[in-house]
């Protein structure tokens, strides 16, 4: 059996753009004219692809969280719509009430009619908010 001259020298690992790691080894091995062969070779280590289903949380938990988030977004949107509907109803009722006051001062004989119209609008607006 031949002895190996020196020991194998290991280079540092190098990673290329594709994530492949190459380790370079250098050393002297028996068999050349002086009894040894100088050789250098590269070992290519390719990373194993991650499975697409591998997540931090189990699929059922992740799916449940997605459903909860979706429901929360629907509820938040519903709340915004309700607030906009209520705001519009209040603004329109206030504007109509001011018009009622002005028209009542100009034509007092129509005051009860103006009041009925504003009250009817305000009631319908309140009903829409309740139904929403």
Protein backbone atom coordinates (compact mmCIF):
# COMPACT_ATOMS: atom_id res chain seq x y z
CA UNK A 1 0.00 0.00 0.00
CA UNK A 2 1.34 3.42 -0.91
CA UNK A 3 1.31 6.28 1.51
CA UNK A 4 -0.21 9.62 0.63
CA UNK A 5 2.20 12.55 0.57
CA UNK A 6 0.84 15.17 2.90
CA UNK A 7 -2.82 15.46 3.74
CA UNK A 8 -5.67 16.68 1.61
CA UNK A 9 -6.14 20.43 1.78
CA UNK A 10 -9.73 21.61 1.84
CA UNK A 11 -10.70 24.88 0.24
CA UNK A 12 -13.53 27.00 1.46
CA UNK A 13 -17.01 26.32 0.07
CA UNK A 14 -18.13 28.55 -2.79
CA UNK A 15 -21.76 29.13 -3.70
CA UNK A 16 -22.72 30.23 -7.18
CA UNK A 17 -25.85 32.14 -8.24
CA UNK A 18 -27.95 29.00 -8.57
CA UNK A 19 -27.32 27.96 -4.96
CA UNK A 20 -24.94 25.12 -5.91
CA UNK A 21 -22.13 24.70 -3.39
CA UNK A 22 -18.73 23.54 -4.66
CA UNK A 23 -16.02 22.20 -2.37
CA UNK A 24 -12.51 22.05 -3.79
CA UNK A 25 -10.11 19.42 -2.53
CA UNK A 26 -6.38 19.27 -3.28
CA UNK A 27 -3.96 16.56 -2.32
CA UNK A 28 -1.30 14.09 -3.44
CA UNK A 29 -2.20 10.50 -4.15
CA UNK A 30 0.01 7.45 -4.92
CA UNK A 31 0.69 6.38 -8.52
CA UNK A 32 2.69 9.10 -10.36
CA UNK A 33 6.30 8.99 -11.67
CA UNK A 34 7.63 10.02 -8.30
CA UNK A 35 5.14 7.69 -6.62
CA UNK A 36 2.42 10.30 -6.22
CA UNK A 37 -0.28 11.97 -8.36
CA UNK A 38 -1.18 15.56 -7.66
CA UNK A 39 -4.92 15.86 -8.06
CA UNK A 40 -7.61 18.42 -7.61
CA UNK A 41 -11.29 17.73 -7.84
CA UNK A 42 -14.50 19.52 -7.11
CA UNK A 43 -17.47 18.08 -5.29
CA UNK A 44 -20.80 19.63 -6.32
CA UNK A 45 -23.50 19.73 -3.67
CA UNK A 46 -26.94 20.77 -4.88
CA UNK A 47 -29.51 21.90 -2.31
CA UNK A 48 -32.70 19.87 -2.08
CA UNK A 49 -35.75 21.81 -3.28
CA UNK A 50 -38.25 22.66 -0.59
CA UNK A 51 -41.61 21.08 -0.92
CA UNK A 52 -44.30 23.58 -1.82
CA UNK A 53 -46.48 22.41 1.06
CA UNK A 54 -43.83 23.07 3.70
CA UNK A 55 -44.89 26.05 5.75
CA UNK A 56 -44.36 27.17 9.29
CA UNK A 57 -48.00 26.49 10.13
CA UNK A 58 -50.00 23.41 9.15
CA UNK A 59 -52.17 23.84 6.06
CA UNK A 60 -55.43 23.68 8.06
CA UNK A 61 -54.25 26.42 10.44
CA UNK A 62 -53.08 28.57 7.54
CA UNK A 63 -56.39 28.06 5.74
CA UNK A 64 -58.35 28.89 8.90
CA UNK A 65 -56.31 32.08 9.39
CA UNK A 66 -57.04 33.06 5.79
CA UNK A 67 -60.76 32.59 6.37
CA UNK A 68 -60.65 34.62 9.59
CA UNK A 69 -58.78 37.44 7.82
CA UNK A 70 -61.28 37.37 4.95
CA UNK A 71 -64.21 37.55 7.37
CA UNK A 72 -62.57 40.43 9.25
CA UNK A 73 -62.11 42.34 5.98
CA UNK A 74 -65.76 41.76 5.04
CA UNK A 75 -66.91 42.98 8.46
CA UNK A 76 -64.68 46.07 8.26
CA UNK A 77 -66.06 46.89 4.80
CA UNK A 78 -69.61 46.38 6.05
CA UNK A 79 -68.93 48.73 8.97
CA UNK A 80 -67.52 51.42 6.66
CA UNK A 81 -70.58 51.19 4.41
CA UNK A 82 -72.91 51.45 7.40
CA UNK A 83 -71.04 54.52 8.68
CA UNK A 84 -71.18 56.16 5.24
CA UNK A 85 -74.89 55.44 4.97
CA UNK A 86 -75.56 56.88 8.44
CA UNK A 87 -73.38 59.94 7.75
CA UNK A 88 -75.15 60.63 4.45
CA UNK A 89 -78.55 60.24 6.13
CA UNK A 90 -77.61 62.66 8.93
CA UNK A 91 -76.12 65.22 6.53
CA UNK A 92 -79.16 65.11 4.26
CA UNK A 93 -81.56 65.26 7.21
CA UNK A 94 -79.68 68.29 8.59
CA UNK A 95 -79.75 70.01 5.20
CA UNK A 96 -83.46 69.27 4.78
CA UNK A 97 -84.16 70.50 8.33
CA UNK A 98 -82.44 73.80 7.56
CA UNK A 99 -84.45 74.10 4.35
CA UNK A 100 -87.61 73.32 6.33
CA UNK A 101 -86.82 76.16 8.74
CA UNK A 102 -86.14 78.61 5.90
CA UNK A 103 -89.24 77.65 3.93
CA UNK A 104 -91.41 77.73 7.05
CA UNK A 105 -90.29 81.30 7.76
CA UNK A 106 -91.06 82.31 4.14
CA UNK A 107 -94.40 80.46 3.89
CA UNK A 108 -95.73 79.58 7.34
CA UNK A 109 -98.86 77.94 5.90
CA UNK A 110 -96.64 75.06 4.49
CA UNK A 111 -94.66 74.47 7.68
CA UNK A 112 -96.49 71.26 8.64
CA UNK A 113 -95.94 69.84 5.13
CA UNK A 114 -92.23 70.62 5.19
CA UNK A 115 -91.96 69.01 8.57
CA UNK A 116 -93.73 65.84 7.34
CA UNK A 117 -91.37 65.57 4.37
CA UNK A 118 -88.25 65.97 6.49
CA UNK A 119 -89.59 63.54 9.12
CA UNK A 120 -90.44 60.96 6.41
CA UNK A 121 -86.96 61.27 4.91
CA UNK A 122 -85.32 60.97 8.33
CA UNK A 123 -87.42 57.88 9.15
CA UNK A 124 -86.54 56.17 5.84
CA UNK A 125 -82.85 56.98 6.33
CA UNK A 126 -82.96 55.52 9.85
CA UNK A 127 -84.73 52.40 8.53
CA UNK A 128 -81.99 51.89 5.90
CA UNK A 129 -79.32 52.12 8.57
CA UNK A 130 -81.20 49.62 10.77
CA UNK A 131 -81.62 47.17 7.87
CA UNK A 132 -78.01 47.43 6.78
